[in-house]
Protein backbone atom coordinates (compact mmCIF):
# COMPACT_ATOMS: atom_id res chain seq x y z
CA UNK A 1 24.35 14.42 -14.77
CA UNK A 2 21.01 14.79 -13.03
CA UNK A 3 18.12 12.52 -13.83
CA UNK A 4 14.42 13.27 -14.20
CA UNK A 5 11.91 10.42 -14.35
CA UNK A 6 9.42 9.93 -17.10
CA UNK A 7 5.91 8.95 -15.94
CA UNK A 8 5.92 5.79 -15.99
CA UNK A 9 15.89 -15.04 0.58
CA UNK A 10 16.61 -15.22 3.53
CA UNK A 11 19.12 -12.67 4.79
CA UNK A 12 22.74 -13.75 4.68
CA UNK A 13 25.28 -11.55 6.42
CA UNK A 14 28.19 -10.81 4.10
CA UNK A 15 30.65 -8.44 5.67
CA UNK A 16 32.87 -8.55 2.61
CA UNK A 17 30.23 -6.70 0.57
CA UNK A 18 30.02 -3.84 3.07
CA UNK A 19 33.10 -1.99 1.99
CA UNK A 20 33.02 1.04 4.27
CA UNK A 21 31.96 0.57 7.91
CA UNK A 22 32.03 4.34 8.40
CA UNK A 23 29.81 5.10 5.41
CA UNK A 24 26.82 7.36 6.02
CA UNK A 25 23.72 5.84 4.48
CA UNK A 26 20.99 8.26 3.44
CA UNK A 27 17.38 7.13 3.79
CA UNK A 28 14.65 8.89 1.83
CA UNK A 29 11.19 9.42 3.28
CA UNK A 30 8.05 11.43 2.71
CA UNK A 31 7.41 14.10 5.34
CA UNK A 32 4.10 12.80 6.65
CA UNK A 33 3.88 11.64 10.25
CA UNK A 34 3.15 8.05 9.26
CA UNK A 35 5.94 7.97 6.67
CA UNK A 36 8.44 9.20 9.24
CA UNK A 37 7.32 6.69 11.87
CA UNK A 38 7.83 3.93 9.31
CA UNK A 39 11.18 5.26 8.13
CA UNK A 40 12.58 5.69 11.63
CA UNK A 41 11.49 2.14 12.45
CA UNK A 42 13.49 0.90 9.45
CA UNK A 43 16.47 3.02 10.47
CA UNK A 44 16.39 1.68 14.03
CA UNK A 45 16.16 -1.94 12.89
CA UNK A 46 19.11 -1.50 10.56
CA UNK A 47 21.11 0.33 13.23
CA UNK A 48 20.73 -2.71 15.51
CA UNK A 49 22.17 -4.97 12.82
CA UNK A 50 24.89 -2.53 11.73
CA UNK A 51 25.94 -0.46 14.78
CA UNK A 52 29.09 0.80 13.03
CA UNK A 53 27.16 2.41 10.17
CA UNK A 54 25.52 5.83 10.26
CA UNK A 55 21.97 6.15 8.93
CA UNK A 56 20.51 9.58 8.14
CA UNK A 57 16.89 10.32 7.22
CA UNK A 58 16.28 12.81 4.40
CA UNK A 59 12.70 13.97 3.85
CA UNK A 60 11.03 15.02 0.61
CA UNK A 61 7.56 16.23 -0.36
CA UNK A 62 5.83 14.22 -3.07
CA UNK A 63 3.09 15.25 -5.47
CA UNK A 64 0.62 13.17 -3.49
CA UNK A 65 1.47 15.09 -0.31
CA UNK A 66 0.90 18.44 -1.99
CA UNK A 67 -2.41 17.75 -3.76
CA UNK A 68 -4.99 17.39 -1.01
CA UNK A 69 -8.13 18.90 -2.52
CA UNK A 70 -8.62 16.51 -5.46
CA UNK A 71 -9.74 12.88 -5.33
CA UNK A 72 -6.81 10.56 -6.06
CA UNK A 73 -8.74 8.72 -8.76
CA UNK A 74 -9.09 11.94 -10.78
CA UNK A 75 -5.40 12.79 -10.85
CA UNK A 76 -3.97 9.30 -11.26
CA UNK A 77 -1.67 7.93 -8.61
CA UNK A 78 0.96 5.73 -10.21
CA UNK A 79 4.06 7.08 -8.53
CA UNK A 80 2.14 9.92 -6.90
CA UNK A 81 3.82 9.24 -3.54
CA UNK A 82 7.13 7.89 -4.83
CA UNK A 83 8.42 9.80 -7.86
CA UNK A 84 10.40 12.48 -6.04
CA UNK A 85 12.08 9.86 -3.86
CA UNK A 86 12.98 7.84 -6.94
CA UNK A 87 14.55 10.88 -8.58
CA UNK A 88 16.57 11.35 -5.39
CA UNK A 89 17.90 7.81 -5.60
CA UNK A 90 18.82 8.06 -9.26
CA UNK A 91 20.56 11.37 -8.60
CA UNK A 92 22.60 9.77 -5.77
CA UNK A 93 21.02 12.11 -3.20
CA UNK A 94 19.67 9.23 -1.12
CA UNK A 95 20.64 5.54 -1.00
CA UNK A 96 17.22 4.00 -0.51
CA UNK A 97 13.61 4.98 0.18
CA UNK A 98 11.02 3.57 2.55
CA UNK A 99 7.51 3.31 1.13
CA UNK A 100 4.15 2.06 2.27
CA UNK A 101 4.19 -0.83 -0.17
CA UNK A 102 0.62 -0.15 -1.30
CA UNK A 103 1.83 3.22 -2.68
CA UNK A 104 4.68 1.73 -4.72
CA UNK A 105 3.81 1.08 -8.39
CA UNK A 106 4.29 -2.49 -9.60
CA UNK A 107 6.51 -1.29 -12.47
CA UNK A 108 9.56 0.62 -11.21
CA UNK A 109 11.78 3.06 -13.14
CA UNK A 110 14.81 1.61 -14.90
CA UNK A 111 17.75 1.41 -12.50
CA UNK A 112 15.67 0.90 -9.36
CA UNK A 113 14.52 -2.24 -7.59
CA UNK A 114 12.27 -3.33 -4.74
CA UNK A 115 15.08 -4.61 -2.52
CA UNK A 116 13.14 -5.98 0.46
CA UNK A 117 9.70 -6.13 2.03
CA UNK A 118 9.47 -5.93 5.81
CA UNK A 119 7.18 -7.82 8.17
CA UNK A 120 3.57 -6.91 7.62
CA UNK A 121 1.29 -5.27 10.15
CA UNK A 122 -2.44 -6.04 10.05
CA UNK A 123 -3.36 -5.47 6.37
CA UNK A 124 -7.10 -5.17 7.00
CA UNK A 125 -9.32 -2.13 6.64
CA UNK A 126 -10.74 -0.64 9.84
CA UNK A 127 -13.95 1.16 10.70
CA UNK A 128 -13.55 4.31 12.78
CA UNK A 129 -16.82 5.88 13.97
CA UNK A 130 -18.13 9.12 15.38
CA UNK A 131 -18.94 8.89 19.10
CA UNK A 132 -22.68 8.76 18.42
CA UNK A 133 -22.25 5.39 16.72
CA UNK A 134 -20.04 3.69 19.29
CA UNK A 135 -22.74 1.05 19.79
CA UNK A 136 -22.82 0.16 16.07
CA UNK A 137 -20.87 -2.09 13.74
CA UNK A 138 -20.69 -1.41 10.02
CA UNK A 139 -23.55 -3.85 9.50
CA UNK A 140 -25.82 -1.88 11.85
CA UNK A 141 -25.05 1.73 10.88
CA UNK A 142 -28.25 3.48 9.76
CA UNK A 143 -29.25 4.09 6.17
CA UNK A 144 -27.75 7.33 4.87
CA UNK A 145 -24.75 7.19 7.24
CA UNK A 146 -21.93 9.28 5.73
CA UNK A 147 -18.86 7.09 5.23
CA UNK A 148 -15.53 8.74 4.37
CA UNK A 149 -12.97 7.02 2.15
CA UNK A 150 -10.49 8.11 -0.52
CA UNK A 151 -10.15 4.59 -1.93
CA UNK A 152 -12.09 3.34 -4.94
CA UNK A 153 -11.35 -0.20 -3.80
CA UNK A 154 -13.11 0.35 -0.48
CA UNK A 155 -15.87 2.37 -2.10
CA UNK A 156 -16.72 -0.34 -4.64
CA UNK A 157 -16.79 -3.16 -2.10
CA UNK A 158 -18.83 -1.20 0.44
CA UNK A 159 -21.32 -0.04 -2.17
CA UNK A 160 -21.76 -3.68 -3.12
CA UNK A 161 -22.51 -4.68 0.48
CA UNK A 162 -24.12 -1.48 1.81
CA UNK A 163 -25.81 0.47 -1.00
CA UNK A 164 -27.87 2.38 1.58
CA UNK A 165 -24.85 4.34 2.89
CA UNK A 166 -23.75 7.77 1.63
CA UNK A 167 -20.10 7.82 0.59
CA UNK A 168 -17.95 10.94 0.65
CA UNK A 169 -14.31 11.42 -0.38
CA UNK A 170 -11.86 12.31 2.39
CA UNK A 171 -8.24 13.49 1.96
CA UNK A 172 -5.53 14.77 4.25
CA UNK A 173 -3.25 13.13 6.78
CA UNK A 174 -4.63 10.82 9.43
CA UNK A 175 -5.07 13.52 12.08
CA UNK A 176 -6.91 15.74 9.59
CA UNK A 177 -9.27 12.92 8.65
CA UNK A 178 -9.99 12.06 12.27
CA UNK A 179 -10.66 15.71 13.07
CA UNK A 180 -13.22 15.85 10.26
CA UNK A 181 -14.87 12.72 11.65
CA UNK A 182 -14.97 14.03 15.21
CA UNK A 183 -16.42 17.37 14.09
CA UNK A 184 -19.39 15.54 12.55
CA UNK A 185 -18.48 15.94 8.88
CA UNK A 186 -18.57 12.13 8.59
CA UNK A 187 -20.32 9.42 10.57
CA UNK A 188 -17.52 6.93 9.99
CA UNK A 189 -14.22 6.50 8.15
CA UNK A 190 -12.63 3.45 6.57
CA UNK A 191 -8.86 3.50 7.16
CA UNK A 192 -5.95 1.08 7.08
CA UNK A 193 -5.60 -0.66 10.44
CA UNK A 194 -1.81 -0.73 10.04
CA UNK A 195 -1.53 3.05 9.81
CA UNK A 196 -3.57 3.56 12.97
CA UNK A 197 -1.54 0.95 14.81
CA UNK A 198 1.81 2.39 13.73
CA UNK A 199 0.79 5.85 14.95
CA UNK A 200 -0.33 4.53 18.33
CA UNK A 201 -4.01 5.09 17.54
CA UNK A 202 -5.25 1.52 17.89
CA UNK A 203 -7.90 2.78 20.30
CA UNK A 204 -9.61 4.51 17.36
CA UNK A 205 -10.20 1.18 15.61
CA UNK A 206 -13.86 0.40 16.22
CA UNK A 207 -14.07 -2.67 13.98
CA UNK A 208 -11.67 -4.64 11.80
CA UNK A 209 -13.56 -5.28 8.58
CA UNK A 210 -13.62 -8.98 7.70
CA UNK A 211 -12.39 -10.04 4.27
CA UNK A 212 -15.96 -10.95 3.36
CA UNK A 213 -16.75 -7.21 3.46
CA UNK A 214 -13.51 -5.65 2.26
CA UNK A 215 -10.45 -7.25 0.72
CA UNK A 216 -7.42 -5.07 1.44
CA UNK A 217 -5.14 -3.20 -0.97
CA UNK A 218 -2.16 -4.87 -2.59
CA UNK A 219 0.78 -4.56 -0.19
CA UNK A 220 -1.28 -2.91 2.55
CA UNK A 221 0.38 -3.11 5.97
CA UNK A 222 3.86 -3.83 4.58
CA UNK A 223 6.83 -1.56 3.93
CA UNK A 224 8.72 -1.76 0.65
CA UNK A 225 12.30 -0.52 0.47
CA UNK A 226 13.44 0.66 -2.94
CA UNK A 227 17.05 1.31 -3.96
CA UNK A 228 19.35 1.46 -6.96
CA UNK A 229 19.46 -1.96 -8.61
CA UNK A 230 23.25 -1.94 -8.94
CA UNK A 231 23.97 -0.96 -5.31
CA UNK A 232 24.85 -4.44 -4.01
CA UNK A 233 26.17 -3.06 -0.72
CA UNK A 234 22.85 -1.40 0.15
CA UNK A 235 20.85 -4.43 -0.97
CA UNK A 236 22.93 -6.68 1.29
CA UNK A 237 22.40 -4.36 4.24
CA UNK A 238 18.65 -4.18 3.64
CA UNK A 239 18.30 -7.98 3.54
CA UNK A 240 18.78 -7.88 7.33
CA UNK A 241 15.15 -6.78 7.76
CA UNK A 242 13.44 -8.75 5.02
CA UNK A 243 10.50 -10.93 6.12
CA UNK A 244 10.20 -13.93 3.80
CA UNK A 245 6.52 -14.75 4.45
CA UNK A 246 5.44 -11.14 3.91
CA UNK A 247 7.63 -10.99 0.80
CA UNK A 248 5.95 -14.02 -0.75
CA UNK A 249 2.46 -12.77 0.07
CA UNK A 250 3.13 -9.31 -1.34
CA UNK A 251 4.91 -10.55 -4.46
CA UNK A 252 1.83 -12.63 -5.28
CA UNK A 253 -0.42 -9.62 -4.73
CA UNK A 254 1.77 -7.29 -6.79
CA UNK A 255 1.98 -9.76 -9.68
CA UNK A 256 -1.82 -9.99 -9.66
CA UNK A 257 -2.09 -6.20 -9.79
CA UNK A 258 0.65 -5.83 -12.40
CA UNK A 259 -1.01 -8.27 -14.82
CA UNK A 260 -4.33 -6.46 -14.52
CA UNK A 261 -2.48 -3.15 -15.07
CA UNK A 262 -4.28 -1.39 -12.26
CA UNK A 263 -2.92 1.28 -9.94
CA UNK A 264 -3.93 1.46 -6.28
CA UNK A 265 -6.82 3.75 -7.21
CA UNK A 266 -8.81 1.11 -9.03
CA UNK A 267 -11.14 -1.30 -7.24
CA UNK A 268 -8.79 -4.25 -6.88
CA UNK A 269 -8.63 -6.01 -3.53
CA UNK A 270 -6.70 -9.02 -2.27
CA UNK A 271 -6.18 -11.37 0.65
CA UNK A 272 -3.25 -13.76 1.12
CA UNK A 273 -2.63 -16.58 3.56
CA UNK A 274 0.43 -18.80 3.93
CA UNK A 275 0.00 -22.24 5.46
CA UNK A 276 3.27 -24.13 5.60
CA UNK A 277 4.73 -24.05 2.10
CA UNK A 278 1.44 -23.12 0.44
CA UNK A 279 0.08 -19.69 -0.38
CA UNK A 280 -3.59 -18.90 -0.99
CA UNK A 281 -4.40 -15.69 -2.86
CA UNK A 282 -7.91 -14.27 -3.20
CA UNK A 283 -8.58 -11.32 -5.49
CA UNK A 284 -11.48 -9.13 -6.42
CA UNK A 285 -12.19 -6.59 -9.15
CA UNK A 286 -15.33 -4.45 -8.80
CA UNK A 287 -17.00 -1.57 -10.58
CA UNK A 288 -17.05 1.73 -8.68
CA UNK A 289 -20.82 1.56 -8.23
CA UNK A 290 -20.48 -1.90 -6.70
CA UNK A 291 -22.84 -3.46 -9.23
CA UNK A 292 -20.26 -5.64 -10.99
CA UNK A 293 -17.87 -7.80 -9.03
CA UNK A 294 -15.64 -10.75 -9.90
CA UNK A 295 -13.77 -12.75 -7.29
CA UNK A 296 -11.71 -15.94 -7.21
CA UNK A 297 -9.00 -17.79 -5.28
CA UNK A 298 -5.88 -19.76 -6.18
CA UNK A 299 -3.58 -21.90 -4.03
CA UNK A 300 -0.08 -23.16 -4.74
CA UNK A 301 3.53 -23.22 -3.58
CA UNK A 302 4.62 -20.01 -1.84
CA UNK A 303 7.89 -20.15 -3.79
CA UNK A 304 5.79 -19.60 -6.92
CA UNK A 305 4.15 -16.47 -5.51
CA UNK A 306 4.35 -14.34 -8.65
CA UNK A 307 3.16 -17.21 -10.82
CA UNK A 308 0.09 -17.53 -8.57
CA UNK A 309 -0.63 -13.82 -8.90
CA UNK A 310 -0.53 -14.09 -12.69
CA UNK A 311 -2.74 -17.20 -12.57
CA UNK A 312 -5.39 -15.39 -10.52
CA UNK A 313 -5.29 -12.36 -12.81
CA UNK A 314 -5.94 -14.65 -15.79
CA UNK A 315 -8.89 -16.28 -14.00
CA UNK A 316 -10.51 -12.93 -13.24
CA UNK A 317 -9.93 -11.70 -16.78
CA UNK A 318 -11.88 -14.71 -18.01
CA UNK A 319 -14.71 -13.64 -15.69
CA UNK A 320 -14.85 -10.05 -16.99
CA UNK A 321 -12.33 -8.19 -14.84
CA UNK A 322 -10.67 -6.45 -17.79
CA UNK A 323 -13.98 -5.05 -19.04
CA UNK A 324 -14.74 -3.67 -15.58
CA UNK A 325 -11.32 -1.99 -15.36
CA UNK A 326 -11.59 -0.51 -18.85
CA UNK A 327 -14.96 1.02 -17.95
CA UNK A 328 -13.41 2.55 -14.82
CA UNK A 329 -10.42 3.98 -16.71
CA UNK A 330 -12.82 5.54 -19.24
CA UNK A 331 -14.91 7.09 -16.46
CA UNK A 332 -11.83 8.51 -14.75
CA UNK A 333 -10.50 10.01 -17.98
CA UNK A 334 -13.86 11.70 -18.53
CA UNK A 335 -13.60 13.19 -15.05
CA UNK A 336 -16.73 11.47 -13.79
């Protein structure tokens, strides 16, 4: 039977669970350059831990890869970059899928689980500028500068800090976006630092935006590996590359997002820090025009990461976060 989706610890080596040392393990990935770089990194790390296993990468196109001429906020993006891979897992075509964690919805389809989260790259947003502004920082770009971003989260926070800029949606893969910038279509772009670093384009990062200007997306910079919830063998294998600190940080962030019921294309930003056994989570919810903004911070035991995320969500709801989000959802549904 084939399945179609509706919308909607520290590693411990256990050889006894890995029943077939000659098994070929199929890894699902999107076809984009960044997705493949990330997936092959995961494959190579697992190959080092399990040299007797064979890992094969299987690529798939997702809806998000195919729709490039419409702003993400207007088409909705829960599962936009993951659904086809999830169908592949449920249909036994692939054993697990590698995702940019920020693209993975906080509520997964029945039968699937977020098995592990790998060590995070820099989660911050980065400013990339046209050559004519190489002597500028975001604070000193001129009024009217055309800033490209496809993220409502970035848009809301930047409008709050820099209402004198002109903001313009930008879609396409990283090379396409950079080409548009270099041709003069934009004066600057706001991109994820992690993506640029993973593609060997760190030299294009002109400025790392401080958290006071832009809190990053939930899960940004980390990879999430999703698999069938009942596949204990695969889960055991994947635990070899789990990073406990990143896991705790991202679980707190995802719980915060889940409670507020927002997808990645709503203006919700976060920042997490772990100091010893304690985790500090800061979150923000902002209106798209940047006029309304609520922000707060909680600190507690890292082992209670998801509880902290829920606590912060409750605090921001008390401050008006839910009303802001409901206004945004209404605007999006109206196509504004």
